[in-house]
């Protein structure tokens, strides 16, 4: 059974037609969409994080508020840019949010993607050490963060206050959170590294490499390599794998108005240069629900993953996106789960 989640970038803009015009509206709608999504049977509410942009930048207050309003739906990120993060502060925020949710946090993290500013992490006082790249710093922050949520003590205790000099962990600690950390991998090699670290795999609508094969096949190969490396490492638990897709079912006059023209065009992969690398961008799925369902059932990576994240047009508002998600739950996912395609493993 494939889990279904939505992925919102939290875009806001004060322009004609936008129903999400301010940062405050984006945050409040992020909470309301999680509530509405749970009601229609969606399994996860995930939020993309970007700094210095009109997107979500600190998702923890929003996820904590959504946790207090829901009881079942997973709450996650896809992804937090670890170049910007103080590992111990992040551990405190994540632990508190996970406890409020009752253990429903699914935290996606990564090296990050191109941002709106140059080396923005430096403005957050996160400076790579001599000889380090920003990617090296992100992985170092990740290691420290994971050790922190696993209960490792870092700061020497003050004997005058607590009676010991034993290194103390950050608080609060949330048992089980360590196994619910995901790494956003943009290549097959990074997916292998993710497995070796014992993190779950999060793969988006693009890969920063291209071998000439269709996107879903390249992503399925990435997943197969991840699972093989996981098994070789001998981890005892089963890993989780998510993939993201742009899915826009045409279900009424309003969806026809916004996406009808796009539905008439052939949906294909795109190849271009991102951050200096030749990259492959996956196609969108736009059209009648039954057509989308059949196409996703043939998507090799969707079949290989256990979680499908649907990127939502959040500027069209909560009610609009709740209708889209309900249609996907009702008319698309049963077909996706009923079909089986050959594995590339």
C-alpha atoms as a PDB file:
ATOM      1  CA  UNK A   1       0.000   0.000   0.000  1.00  0.00           C
ATOM      2  CA  UNK A   2       1.588   3.268  -1.147  1.00  0.00           C
ATOM      3  CA  UNK A   3       1.375   6.156   1.283  1.00  0.00           C
ATOM      4  CA  UNK A   4       0.205   9.440  -0.260  1.00  0.00           C
ATOM      5  CA  UNK A   5       1.371  12.827   0.944  1.00  0.00           C
ATOM      6  CA  UNK A   6       1.243  16.364  -0.335  1.00  0.00           C
ATOM      7  CA  UNK A   7       4.321  18.552  -0.726  1.00  0.00           C
ATOM      8  CA  UNK A   8       3.814  22.311  -0.445  1.00  0.00           C
ATOM      9  CA  UNK A   9       6.451  24.921  -1.181  1.00  0.00           C
ATOM     10  CA  UNK A  10       4.370  27.499   0.685  1.00  0.00           C
ATOM     11  CA  UNK A  11       4.680  30.040  -2.106  1.00  0.00           C
ATOM     12  CA  UNK A  12       2.964  33.346  -1.524  1.00  0.00           C
ATOM     13  CA  UNK A  13       2.589  36.389  -3.738  1.00  0.00           C
ATOM     14  CA  UNK A  14       0.317  39.423  -3.668  1.00  0.00           C
ATOM     15  CA  UNK A  15      -0.782  39.182  -7.306  1.00  0.00           C
ATOM     16  CA  UNK A  16      -4.119  38.814  -9.059  1.00  0.00           C
ATOM     17  CA  UNK A  17      -5.452  35.287  -8.714  1.00  0.00           C
ATOM     18  CA  UNK A  18      -3.292  34.282  -5.752  1.00  0.00           C
ATOM     19  CA  UNK A  19      -5.202  32.968  -2.745  1.00  0.00           C
ATOM     20  CA  UNK A  20      -2.007  32.928  -0.684  1.00  0.00           C
ATOM     21  CA  UNK A  21      -0.834  36.519  -0.623  1.00  0.00           C
ATOM     22  CA  UNK A  22       1.350  36.790   2.496  1.00  0.00           C
ATOM     23  CA  UNK A  23       3.740  34.732   4.569  1.00  0.00           C
ATOM     24  CA  UNK A  24       1.159  34.575   7.343  1.00  0.00           C
ATOM     25  CA  UNK A  25      -1.474  33.191   5.001  1.00  0.00           C
ATOM     26  CA  UNK A  26       1.003  30.576   3.727  1.00  0.00           C
ATOM     27  CA  UNK A  27       1.664  29.359   7.272  1.00  0.00           C
ATOM     28  CA  UNK A  28      -1.975  29.260   8.335  1.00  0.00           C
ATOM     29  CA  UNK A  29      -3.008  27.562   5.090  1.00  0.00           C
ATOM     30  CA  UNK A  30      -0.232  25.015   5.611  1.00  0.00           C
ATOM     31  CA  UNK A  31      -1.926  24.029   8.865  1.00  0.00           C
ATOM     32  CA  UNK A  32      -5.426  24.021   7.360  1.00  0.00           C
ATOM     33  CA  UNK A  33      -4.361  21.917   4.391  1.00  0.00           C
ATOM     34  CA  UNK A  34      -2.891  19.299   6.732  1.00  0.00           C
ATOM     35  CA  UNK A  35      -6.226  19.147   8.556  1.00  0.00           C
ATOM     36  CA  UNK A  36      -8.210  18.928   5.307  1.00  0.00           C
ATOM     37  CA  UNK A  37      -5.817  16.340   3.852  1.00  0.00           C
ATOM     38  CA  UNK A  38      -6.211  14.088   6.881  1.00  0.00           C
ATOM     39  CA  UNK A  39      -9.977  14.310   6.526  1.00  0.00           C
ATOM     40  CA  UNK A  40      -9.916  13.070   2.901  1.00  0.00           C
ATOM     41  CA  UNK A  41      -7.512  10.199   3.650  1.00  0.00           C
ATOM     42  CA  UNK A  42      -4.080  11.590   2.775  1.00  0.00           C
ATOM     43  CA  UNK A  43      -1.219  10.067   4.788  1.00  0.00           C
ATOM     44  CA  UNK A  44       1.330  12.890   4.923  1.00  0.00           C
ATOM     45  CA  UNK A  45       1.708  16.681   4.976  1.00  0.00           C
ATOM     46  CA  UNK A  46       5.173  17.723   3.796  1.00  0.00           C
ATOM     47  CA  UNK A  47       6.637  21.200   3.413  1.00  0.00           C
ATOM     48  CA  UNK A  48       9.542  22.459   1.281  1.00  0.00           C
ATOM     49  CA  UNK A  49      11.994  24.875   2.929  1.00  0.00           C
ATOM     50  CA  UNK A  50      13.763  27.779   1.200  1.00  0.00           C
ATOM     51  CA  UNK A  51      15.477  30.772   2.775  1.00  0.00           C
ATOM     52  CA  UNK A  52      15.436  34.376   1.523  1.00  0.00           C
ATOM     53  CA  UNK A  53      12.381  33.600  -0.629  1.00  0.00           C
ATOM     54  CA  UNK A  54       8.594  33.782  -0.430  1.00  0.00           C
ATOM     55  CA  UNK A  55       8.374  30.149   0.673  1.00  0.00           C
ATOM     56  CA  UNK A  56       8.337  28.290   3.971  1.00  0.00           C
ATOM     57  CA  UNK A  57      11.586  28.997   5.824  1.00  0.00           C
ATOM     58  CA  UNK A  58      10.969  27.684   9.368  1.00  0.00           C
ATOM     59  CA  UNK A  59       8.354  24.915   9.182  1.00  0.00           C
ATOM     60  CA  UNK A  60       8.426  23.800  12.816  1.00  0.00           C
ATOM     61  CA  UNK A  61       5.813  26.201  14.270  1.00  0.00           C
ATOM     62  CA  UNK A  62       3.472  25.300  11.400  1.00  0.00           C
ATOM     63  CA  UNK A  63       4.037  21.549  11.805  1.00  0.00           C
ATOM     64  CA  UNK A  64       3.539  21.782  15.566  1.00  0.00           C
ATOM     65  CA  UNK A  65       0.265  23.655  15.039  1.00  0.00           C
ATOM     66  CA  UNK A  66      -0.838  21.062  12.464  1.00  0.00           C
ATOM     67  CA  UNK A  67       0.115  18.281  14.876  1.00  0.00           C
ATOM     68  CA  UNK A  68      -2.171  19.767  17.524  1.00  0.00           C
ATOM     69  CA  UNK A  69      -5.073  19.833  15.041  1.00  0.00           C
ATOM     70  CA  UNK A  70      -4.625  16.315  13.620  1.00  0.00           C
ATOM     71  CA  UNK A  71      -4.222  12.794  14.951  1.00  0.00           C
ATOM     72  CA  UNK A  72      -3.044  10.518  12.135  1.00  0.00           C
ATOM     73  CA  UNK A  73      -1.322  12.324   9.279  1.00  0.00           C
ATOM     74  CA  UNK A  74       2.481  12.342   9.077  1.00  0.00           C
ATOM     75  CA  UNK A  75       4.139  15.754   9.195  1.00  0.00           C
ATOM     76  CA  UNK A  76       7.386  16.249   7.357  1.00  0.00           C
ATOM     77  CA  UNK A  77       9.773  18.365   5.361  1.00  0.00           C
ATOM     78  CA  UNK A  78      11.076  17.914   1.872  1.00  0.00           C
ATOM     79  CA  UNK A  79      13.715  19.194   2.492  1.00  0.00           C
ATOM     80  CA  UNK A  80      15.584  21.289   5.089  1.00  0.00           C
ATOM     81  CA  UNK A  81      18.875  22.696   3.796  1.00  0.00           C
ATOM     82  CA  UNK A  82      21.453  21.555   6.336  1.00  0.00           C
ATOM     83  CA  UNK A  83      23.969  24.199   5.254  1.00  0.00           C
ATOM     84  CA  UNK A  84      21.884  26.736   7.179  1.00  0.00           C
ATOM     85  CA  UNK A  85      21.269  24.752  10.340  1.00  0.00           C
ATOM     86  CA  UNK A  86      22.790  24.796  13.804  1.00  0.00           C
ATOM     87  CA  UNK A  87      22.594  21.029  14.485  1.00  0.00           C
ATOM     88  CA  UNK A  88      21.747  21.343  18.197  1.00  0.00           C
ATOM     89  CA  UNK A  89      19.080  24.008  17.718  1.00  0.00           C
ATOM     90  CA  UNK A  90      17.538  21.902  14.956  1.00  0.00           C
ATOM     91  CA  UNK A  91      17.584  18.866  17.262  1.00  0.00           C
ATOM     92  CA  UNK A  92      15.655  20.801  19.915  1.00  0.00           C
ATOM     93  CA  UNK A  93      13.032  22.008  17.423  1.00  0.00           C
ATOM     94  CA  UNK A  94      12.633  18.579  15.864  1.00  0.00           C
ATOM     95  CA  UNK A  95      12.389  16.805  19.207  1.00  0.00           C
ATOM     96  CA  UNK A  96       9.744  19.197  20.522  1.00  0.00           C
ATOM     97  CA  UNK A  97       7.679  19.010  17.325  1.00  0.00           C
ATOM     98  CA  UNK A  98       7.849  15.220  17.243  1.00  0.00           C
ATOM     99  CA  UNK A  99       6.649  14.975  20.838  1.00  0.00           C
ATOM    100  CA  UNK A 100       3.720  17.306  20.120  1.00  0.00           C
ATOM    101  CA  UNK A 101       2.783  15.132  17.131  1.00  0.00           C
ATOM    102  CA  UNK A 102       3.013  11.884  19.063  1.00  0.00           C
ATOM    103  CA  UNK A 103       5.861  10.589  16.905  1.00  0.00           C
ATOM    104  CA  UNK A 104       4.516  11.544  13.476  1.00  0.00           C
ATOM    105  CA  UNK A 105       7.444  13.701  12.296  1.00  0.00           C
ATOM    106  CA  UNK A 106       9.177  12.558   9.081  1.00  0.00           C
ATOM    107  CA  UNK A 107      12.092  14.952   8.664  1.00  0.00           C
ATOM    108  CA  UNK A 108      13.592  15.322   5.183  1.00  0.00           C
ATOM    109  CA  UNK A 109      16.989  17.025   5.088  1.00  0.00           C
ATOM    110  CA  UNK A 110      19.724  17.480   2.466  1.00  0.00           C
ATOM    111  CA  UNK A 111      22.610  19.544   1.183  1.00  0.00           C
ATOM    112  CA  UNK A 112      20.041  21.886  -0.299  1.00  0.00           C
ATOM    113  CA  UNK A 113      19.466  23.331  -3.747  1.00  0.00           C
ATOM    114  CA  UNK A 114      20.276  26.659  -5.450  1.00  0.00           C
ATOM    115  CA  UNK A 115      18.961  29.553  -3.348  1.00  0.00           C
ATOM    116  CA  UNK A 116      17.862  33.110  -4.098  1.00  0.00           C
ATOM    117  CA  UNK A 117      21.013  34.560  -2.554  1.00  0.00           C
ATOM    118  CA  UNK A 118      24.728  33.813  -2.781  1.00  0.00           C
ATOM    119  CA  UNK A 119      26.071  31.646   0.069  1.00  0.00           C
ATOM    120  CA  UNK A 120      23.107  32.527   2.261  1.00  0.00           C
ATOM    121  CA  UNK A 121      24.216  30.132   4.996  1.00  0.00           C
ATOM    122  CA  UNK A 122      27.065  32.549   5.791  1.00  0.00           C
ATOM    123  CA  UNK A 123      24.455  35.088   6.881  1.00  0.00           C
ATOM    124  CA  UNK A 124      23.220  32.426   9.326  1.00  0.00           C
ATOM    125  CA  UNK A 125      26.762  32.263  10.714  1.00  0.00           C
ATOM    126  CA  UNK A 126      27.349  28.837   9.194  1.00  0.00           C
ATOM    127  CA  UNK A 127      30.849  28.996   7.681  1.00  0.00           C
ATOM    128  CA  UNK A 128      32.591  25.978   6.134  1.00  0.00           C
ATOM    129  CA  UNK A 129      35.858  25.101   7.841  1.00  0.00           C
ATOM    130  CA  UNK A 130      39.082  25.564   5.924  1.00  0.00           C
ATOM    131  CA  UNK A 131      39.188  22.997   3.135  1.00  0.00           C
ATOM    132  CA  UNK A 132      35.461  22.226   3.452  1.00  0.00           C
ATOM    133  CA  UNK A 133      32.835  22.752   0.758  1.00  0.00           C
ATOM    134  CA  UNK A 134      29.293  23.788   1.606  1.00  0.00           C
ATOM    135  CA  UNK A 135      28.252  20.184   0.861  1.00  0.00           C
ATOM    136  CA  UNK A 136      30.856  18.906   3.333  1.00  0.00           C
ATOM    137  CA  UNK A 137      29.473  21.297   5.949  1.00  0.00           C
ATOM    138  CA  UNK A 138      25.914  20.080   5.319  1.00  0.00           C
ATOM    139  CA  UNK A 139      26.956  16.470   5.899  1.00  0.00           C
ATOM    140  CA  UNK A 140      28.894  17.410   9.037  1.00  0.00           C
ATOM    141  CA  UNK A 141      25.841  19.253  10.365  1.00  0.00           C
ATOM    142  CA  UNK A 142      23.749  16.182   9.552  1.00  0.00           C
ATOM    143  CA  UNK A 143      26.072  13.899  11.510  1.00  0.00           C
ATOM    144  CA  UNK A 144      25.991  16.189  14.554  1.00  0.00           C
ATOM    145  CA  UNK A 145      22.213  16.585  14.335  1.00  0.00           C
ATOM    146  CA  UNK A 146      21.599  12.833  14.177  1.00  0.00           C
ATOM    147  CA  UNK A 147      23.921  12.224  17.108  1.00  0.00           C
ATOM    148  CA  UNK A 148      22.067  14.930  19.043  1.00  0.00           C
ATOM    149  CA  UNK A 149      18.590  13.420  18.485  1.00  0.00           C
ATOM    150  CA  UNK A 150      20.063  10.027  19.384  1.00  0.00           C
ATOM    151  CA  UNK A 151      20.831  11.332  22.871  1.00  0.00           C
ATOM    152  CA  UNK A 152      24.583  11.907  22.686  1.00  0.00           C
ATOM    153  CA  UNK A 153      25.924  14.384  25.227  1.00  0.00           C
ATOM    154  CA  UNK A 154      27.877  17.316  23.825  1.00  0.00           C
ATOM    155  CA  UNK A 155      28.130  20.069  26.434  1.00  0.00           C
ATOM    156  CA  UNK A 156      30.082  19.384  29.681  1.00  0.00           C
ATOM    157  CA  UNK A 157      27.778  19.489  32.691  1.00  0.00           C
ATOM    158  CA  UNK A 158      28.236  22.180  35.332  1.00  0.00           C
ATOM    159  CA  UNK A 159      28.979  20.339  38.625  1.00  0.00           C
ATOM    160  CA  UNK A 160      27.820  23.324  40.662  1.00  0.00           C
ATOM    161  CA  UNK A 161      24.374  23.116  39.098  1.00  0.00           C
ATOM    162  CA  UNK A 162      23.750  19.439  38.266  1.00  0.00           C
ATOM    163  CA  UNK A 163      26.476  17.696  40.264  1.00  0.00           C
ATOM    164  CA  UNK A 164      28.367  16.238  37.301  1.00  0.00           C
ATOM    165  CA  UNK A 165      30.671  17.247  34.463  1.00  0.00           C
ATOM    166  CA  UNK A 166      29.319  14.460  32.235  1.00  0.00           C
ATOM    167  CA  UNK A 167      28.467  15.780  28.731  1.00  0.00           C
ATOM    168  CA  UNK A 168      24.763  16.562  28.507  1.00  0.00           C
ATOM    169  CA  UNK A 169      22.384  15.985  25.557  1.00  0.00           C
ATOM    170  CA  UNK A 170      20.024  18.551  24.101  1.00  0.00           C
ATOM    171  CA  UNK A 171      16.422  18.297  25.219  1.00  0.00           C
ATOM    172  CA  UNK A 172      13.722  17.275  24.689  1.00  0.00           C
ATOM    173  CA  UNK A 173      14.542  13.850  23.326  1.00  0.00           C
ATOM    174  CA  UNK A 174      11.900  12.067  21.242  1.00  0.00           C
ATOM    175  CA  UNK A 175      12.388   8.272  21.030  1.00  0.00           C
ATOM    176  CA  UNK A 176      12.178   6.909  17.492  1.00  0.00           C
ATOM    177  CA  UNK A 177      12.885  10.189  15.701  1.00  0.00           C
ATOM    178  CA  UNK A 178      16.356   8.979  14.701  1.00  0.00           C
ATOM    179  CA  UNK A 179      14.768   6.376  12.387  1.00  0.00           C
ATOM    180  CA  UNK A 180      12.506   8.968  10.756  1.00  0.00           C
ATOM    181  CA  UNK A 181      15.190  11.103   9.138  1.00  0.00           C
ATOM    182  CA  UNK A 182      15.245  11.171   5.317  1.00  0.00           C
ATOM    183  CA  UNK A 183      17.964  12.448   2.986  1.00  0.00           C
ATOM    184  CA  UNK A 184      17.016  14.192  -0.242  1.00  0.00           C
ATOM    185  CA  UNK A 185      19.277  12.535  -2.820  1.00  0.00           C
ATOM    186  CA  UNK A 186      19.717  14.035  -6.281  1.00  0.00           C
ATOM    187  CA  UNK A 187      21.905  11.277  -7.755  1.00  0.00           C
ATOM    188  CA  UNK A 188      22.322   7.522  -7.642  1.00  0.00           C
ATOM    189  CA  UNK A 189      25.649   7.870  -5.809  1.00  0.00           C
ATOM    190  CA  UNK A 190      24.068  10.036  -3.118  1.00  0.00           C
ATOM    191  CA  UNK A 191      21.309   7.453  -2.692  1.00  0.00           C
ATOM    192  CA  UNK A 192      23.966   4.830  -1.976  1.00  0.00           C
ATOM    193  CA  UNK A 193      25.589   7.174   0.562  1.00  0.00           C
ATOM    194  CA  UNK A 194      22.165   7.715   2.166  1.00  0.00           C
ATOM    195  CA  UNK A 195      21.711   3.961   2.623  1.00  0.00           C
ATOM    196  CA  UNK A 196      25.169   3.627   4.104  1.00  0.00           C
ATOM    197  CA  UNK A 197      24.275   6.275   6.698  1.00  0.00           C
ATOM    198  CA  UNK A 198      21.035   4.485   7.617  1.00  0.00           C
ATOM    199  CA  UNK A 199      18.683   7.267   6.518  1.00  0.00           C
ATOM    200  CA  UNK A 200      15.477   6.935   4.527  1.00  0.00           C
ATOM    201  CA  UNK A 201      15.556   8.070   0.886  1.00  0.00           C
ATOM    202  CA  UNK A 202      13.679  11.085  -0.459  1.00  0.00           C
ATOM    203  CA  UNK A 203      13.854  11.593  -4.239  1.00  0.00           C
ATOM    204  CA  UNK A 204      12.133  14.513  -5.929  1.00  0.00           C
ATOM    205  CA  UNK A 205      10.910  15.430  -9.415  1.00  0.00           C
ATOM    206  CA  UNK A 206      14.453  15.911 -10.697  1.00  0.00           C
ATOM    207  CA  UNK A 207      17.830  14.209 -10.650  1.00  0.00           C
ATOM    208  CA  UNK A 208      21.052  16.130 -11.137  1.00  0.00           C
ATOM    209  CA  UNK A 209      22.324  13.546 -13.610  1.00  0.00           C
ATOM    210  CA  UNK A 210      21.104  12.136 -16.896  1.00  0.00           C
ATOM    211  CA  UNK A 211      21.842   8.851 -18.653  1.00  0.00           C
ATOM    212  CA  UNK A 212      19.360   9.266 -21.492  1.00  0.00           C
ATOM    213  CA  UNK A 213      16.699   6.931 -20.084  1.00  0.00           C
ATOM    214  CA  UNK A 214      13.244   8.177 -19.005  1.00  0.00           C
ATOM    215  CA  UNK A 215      13.150   9.885 -15.624  1.00  0.00           C
ATOM    216  CA  UNK A 216      11.101   7.210 -13.881  1.00  0.00           C
ATOM    217  CA  UNK A 217      13.526   4.496 -14.985  1.00  0.00           C
ATOM    218  CA  UNK A 218      16.557   6.482 -13.824  1.00  0.00           C
ATOM    219  CA  UNK A 219      14.859   7.144 -10.483  1.00  0.00           C
ATOM    220  CA  UNK A 220      13.892   3.475 -10.143  1.00  0.00           C
ATOM    221  CA  UNK A 221      17.541   2.587 -10.694  1.00  0.00           C
ATOM    222  CA  UNK A 222      18.454   5.071  -7.948  1.00  0.00           C
ATOM    223  CA  UNK A 223      15.990   3.375  -5.589  1.00  0.00           C
ATOM    224  CA  UNK A 224      17.282  -0.091  -6.460  1.00  0.00           C
ATOM    225  CA  UNK A 225      20.849   1.005  -5.726  1.00  0.00           C
ATOM    226  CA  UNK A 226      19.694   2.478  -2.413  1.00  0.00           C
ATOM    227  CA  UNK A 227      17.961  -0.732  -1.364  1.00  0.00           C
ATOM    228  CA  UNK A 228      20.938  -2.859  -2.399  1.00  0.00           C
ATOM    229  CA  UNK A 229      23.337  -0.680  -0.407  1.00  0.00           C
ATOM    230  CA  UNK A 230      20.960  -0.774   2.575  1.00  0.00           C
ATOM    231  CA  UNK A 231      20.899  -4.579   2.524  1.00  0.00           C
ATOM    232  CA  UNK A 232      24.675  -4.753   2.145  1.00  0.00           C
ATOM    233  CA  UNK A 233      25.113  -2.506   5.185  1.00  0.00           C
ATOM    234  CA  UNK A 234      23.002  -4.885   7.261  1.00  0.00           C
ATOM    235  CA  UNK A 235      20.612  -2.390   8.840  1.00  0.00           C
ATOM    236  CA  UNK A 236      17.920  -4.203  10.819  1.00  0.00           C
ATOM    237  CA  UNK A 237      14.908  -2.007  10.033  1.00  0.00           C
ATOM    238  CA  UNK A 238      13.190  -1.621   6.681  1.00  0.00           C
ATOM    239  CA  UNK A 239      13.945   1.739   5.023  1.00  0.00           C
ATOM    240  CA  UNK A 240      11.367   4.054   3.540  1.00  0.00           C
ATOM    241  CA  UNK A 241      11.545   5.655   0.096  1.00  0.00           C
ATOM    242  CA  UNK A 242       9.542   8.577  -1.243  1.00  0.00           C
ATOM    243  CA  UNK A 243       9.272  10.082  -4.719  1.00  0.00           C
ATOM    244  CA  UNK A 244       7.597  13.348  -5.706  1.00  0.00           C
ATOM    245  CA  UNK A 245       5.340  13.949  -8.678  1.00  0.00           C
ATOM    246  CA  UNK A 246       3.352  16.855 -10.111  1.00  0.00           C
ATOM    247  CA  UNK A 247      -0.183  15.421 -10.379  1.00  0.00           C
ATOM    248  CA  UNK A 248      -3.090  17.621 -11.466  1.00  0.00           C
ATOM    249  CA  UNK A 249      -6.352  15.786 -12.142  1.00  0.00           C
ATOM    250  CA  UNK A 250      -8.975  17.606 -14.222  1.00  0.00           C
ATOM    251  CA  UNK A 251     -12.108  17.063 -12.148  1.00  0.00           C
ATOM    252  CA  UNK A 252     -14.318  20.147 -12.650  1.00  0.00           C
ATOM    253  CA  UNK A 253     -14.629  23.509 -14.424  1.00  0.00           C
ATOM    254  CA  UNK A 254     -12.087  25.193 -12.138  1.00  0.00           C
ATOM    255  CA  UNK A 255      -9.355  22.609 -12.694  1.00  0.00           C
ATOM    256  CA  UNK A 256     -10.183  22.694 -16.410  1.00  0.00           C
ATOM    257  CA  UNK A 257      -9.763  26.491 -16.349  1.00  0.00           C
ATOM    258  CA  UNK A 258      -6.338  26.334 -14.717  1.00  0.00           C
ATOM    259  CA  UNK A 259      -4.838  23.204 -16.263  1.00  0.00           C
ATOM    260  CA  UNK A 260      -6.957  22.218 -19.254  1.00  0.00           C
ATOM    261  CA  UNK A 261      -4.563  23.625 -21.858  1.00  0.00           C
ATOM    262  CA  UNK A 262      -1.591  21.878 -20.232  1.00  0.00           C
ATOM    263  CA  UNK A 263      -3.541  18.612 -20.230  1.00  0.00           C
ATOM    264  CA  UNK A 264      -3.792  18.768 -24.035  1.00  0.00           C
ATOM    265  CA  UNK A 265      -0.016  18.928 -24.472  1.00  0.00           C
ATOM    266  CA  UNK A 266       2.195  15.850 -24.375  1.00  0.00           C
ATOM    267  CA  UNK A 267       3.799  15.490 -20.954  1.00  0.00           C
ATOM    268  CA  UNK A 268       7.492  14.616 -21.276  1.00  0.00           C
ATOM    269  CA  UNK A 269      10.696  14.756 -19.279  1.00  0.00           C
ATOM    270  CA  UNK A 270      12.873  17.840 -19.567  1.00  0.00           C
ATOM    271  CA  UNK A 271      16.672  17.912 -19.626  1.00  0.00           C
ATOM    272  CA  UNK A 272      18.666  20.996 -18.657  1.00  0.00           C
ATOM    273  CA  UNK A 273      21.494  22.398 -16.566  1.00  0.00           C
ATOM    274  CA  UNK A 274      20.926  22.897 -12.827  1.00  0.00           C
ATOM    275  CA  UNK A 275      23.663  24.080 -10.495  1.00  0.00           C
ATOM    276  CA  UNK A 276      26.242  23.264 -13.156  1.00  0.00           C
ATOM    277  CA  UNK A 277      25.056  19.686 -13.749  1.00  0.00           C
ATOM    278  CA  UNK A 278      23.115  18.173 -16.622  1.00  0.00           C
ATOM    279  CA  UNK A 279      19.849  17.228 -14.952  1.00  0.00           C
ATOM    280  CA  UNK A 280      16.666  15.373 -15.849  1.00  0.00           C
ATOM    281  CA  UNK A 281      13.301  16.729 -14.722  1.00  0.00           C
ATOM    282  CA  UNK A 282      10.370  14.355 -14.500  1.00  0.00           C
ATOM    283  CA  UNK A 283       7.163  14.898 -16.443  1.00  0.00           C
ATOM    284  CA  UNK A 284       3.916  16.204 -14.973  1.00  0.00           C
ATOM    285  CA  UNK A 285       0.722  14.134 -14.830  1.00  0.00           C
ATOM    286  CA  UNK A 286      -2.205  16.302 -15.952  1.00  0.00           C
ATOM    287  CA  UNK A 287      -5.550  15.061 -17.229  1.00  0.00           C
ATOM    288  CA  UNK A 288      -8.518  12.902 -16.350  1.00  0.00           C
ATOM    289  CA  UNK A 289      -8.040  10.902 -13.126  1.00  0.00           C
ATOM    290  CA  UNK A 290      -8.332   7.521 -14.855  1.00  0.00           C
ATOM    291  CA  UNK A 291      -5.669   8.481 -17.409  1.00  0.00           C
ATOM    292  CA  UNK A 292      -3.338   9.736 -14.689  1.00  0.00           C
ATOM    293  CA  UNK A 293      -3.916   6.576 -12.656  1.00  0.00           C
ATOM    294  CA  UNK A 294      -2.961   4.318 -15.575  1.00  0.00           C
ATOM    295  CA  UNK A 295       0.161   6.387 -16.292  1.00  0.00           C
ATOM    296  CA  UNK A 296       1.319   6.371 -12.672  1.00  0.00           C
ATOM    297  CA  UNK A 297       0.745   2.636 -12.505  1.00  0.00           C
ATOM    298  CA  UNK A 298       3.382   2.340 -15.242  1.00  0.00           C
ATOM    299  CA  UNK A 299       5.795   4.750 -13.503  1.00  0.00           C
ATOM    300  CA  UNK A 300       8.679   2.493 -12.426  1.00  0.00           C
ATOM    301  CA  UNK A 301       9.826   4.730  -9.565  1.00  0.00           C
ATOM    302  CA  UNK A 302       6.337   5.246  -8.138  1.00  0.00           C
ATOM    303  CA  UNK A 303       5.957   1.473  -8.063  1.00  0.00           C
ATOM    304  CA  UNK A 304       9.374   1.063  -6.397  1.00  0.00           C
ATOM    305  CA  UNK A 305       8.707   3.624  -3.634  1.00  0.00           C
ATOM    306  CA  UNK A 306       6.482   3.263  -0.574  1.00  0.00           C
ATOM    307  CA  UNK A 307       5.495   6.948  -0.406  1.00  0.00           C
ATOM    308  CA  UNK A 308       4.269   9.285  -3.169  1.00  0.00           C
ATOM    309  CA  UNK A 309       4.422  13.029  -2.512  1.00  0.00           C
ATOM    310  CA  UNK A 310       2.202  15.208  -4.703  1.00  0.00           C
ATOM    311  CA  UNK A 311       3.414  18.764  -5.250  1.00  0.00           C
ATOM    312  CA  UNK A 312       0.417  21.059  -4.792  1.00  0.00           C
ATOM    313  CA  UNK A 313      -0.271  24.499  -6.305  1.00  0.00           C
ATOM    314  CA  UNK A 314      -0.649  26.042  -2.858  1.00  0.00           C
ATOM    315  CA  UNK A 315      -1.380  29.552  -4.161  1.00  0.00           C
ATOM    316  CA  UNK A 316      -4.785  28.270  -5.287  1.00  0.00           C
ATOM    317  CA  UNK A 317      -5.823  27.815  -1.669  1.00  0.00           C
ATOM    318  CA  UNK A 318      -6.802  25.103   0.781  1.00  0.00           C
ATOM    319  CA  UNK A 319     -10.234  24.187  -0.584  1.00  0.00           C
ATOM    320  CA  UNK A 320      -8.923  23.801  -4.137  1.00  0.00           C
ATOM    321  CA  UNK A 321      -6.027  21.586  -3.107  1.00  0.00           C
ATOM    322  CA  UNK A 322      -8.182  19.508  -0.771  1.00  0.00           C
ATOM    323  CA  UNK A 323     -10.425  18.683  -3.745  1.00  0.00           C
ATOM    324  CA  UNK A 324      -7.410  17.683  -5.831  1.00  0.00           C
ATOM    325  CA  UNK A 325      -6.087  15.443  -3.074  1.00  0.00           C
ATOM    326  CA  UNK A 326      -9.472  13.842  -2.465  1.00  0.00           C
ATOM    327  CA  UNK A 327      -9.723  12.965  -6.166  1.00  0.00           C
ATOM    328  CA  UNK A 328      -6.234  11.423  -6.100  1.00  0.00           C
ATOM    329  CA  UNK A 329      -7.088   9.372  -2.990  1.00  0.00           C
ATOM    330  CA  UNK A 330     -10.392   8.179  -4.470  1.00  0.00           C
ATOM    331  CA  UNK A 331      -9.663   7.765  -8.185  1.00  0.00           C
ATOM    332  CA  UNK A 332      -5.906   7.440  -8.658  1.00  0.00           C
ATOM    333  CA  UNK A 333      -4.254   5.613  -5.766  1.00  0.00           C
ATOM    334  CA  UNK A 334      -6.399   2.444  -5.885  1.00  0.00           C
ATOM    335  CA  UNK A 335      -5.232   1.891  -9.472  1.00  0.00           C
ATOM    336  CA  UNK A 336      -1.604   2.705  -8.631  1.00  0.00           C
ATOM    337  CA  UNK A 337      -1.613   0.156  -5.815  1.00  0.00           C
ATOM    338  CA  UNK A 338      -3.346  -2.476  -7.917  1.00  0.00           C
ATOM    339  CA  UNK A 339      -0.715  -2.477 -10.636  1.00  0.00           C
ATOM    340  CA  UNK A 340       2.688  -4.165 -10.519  1.00  0.00           C
ATOM    341  CA  UNK A 341       5.559  -3.414 -12.915  1.00  0.00           C
ATOM    342  CA  UNK A 342       8.870  -5.300 -13.225  1.00  0.00           C
ATOM    343  CA  UNK A 343      11.520  -4.150 -10.746  1.00  0.00           C
ATOM    344  CA  UNK A 344      14.909  -2.872 -11.867  1.00  0.00           C
ATOM    345  CA  UNK A 345      16.539  -4.311  -8.751  1.00  0.00           C
END
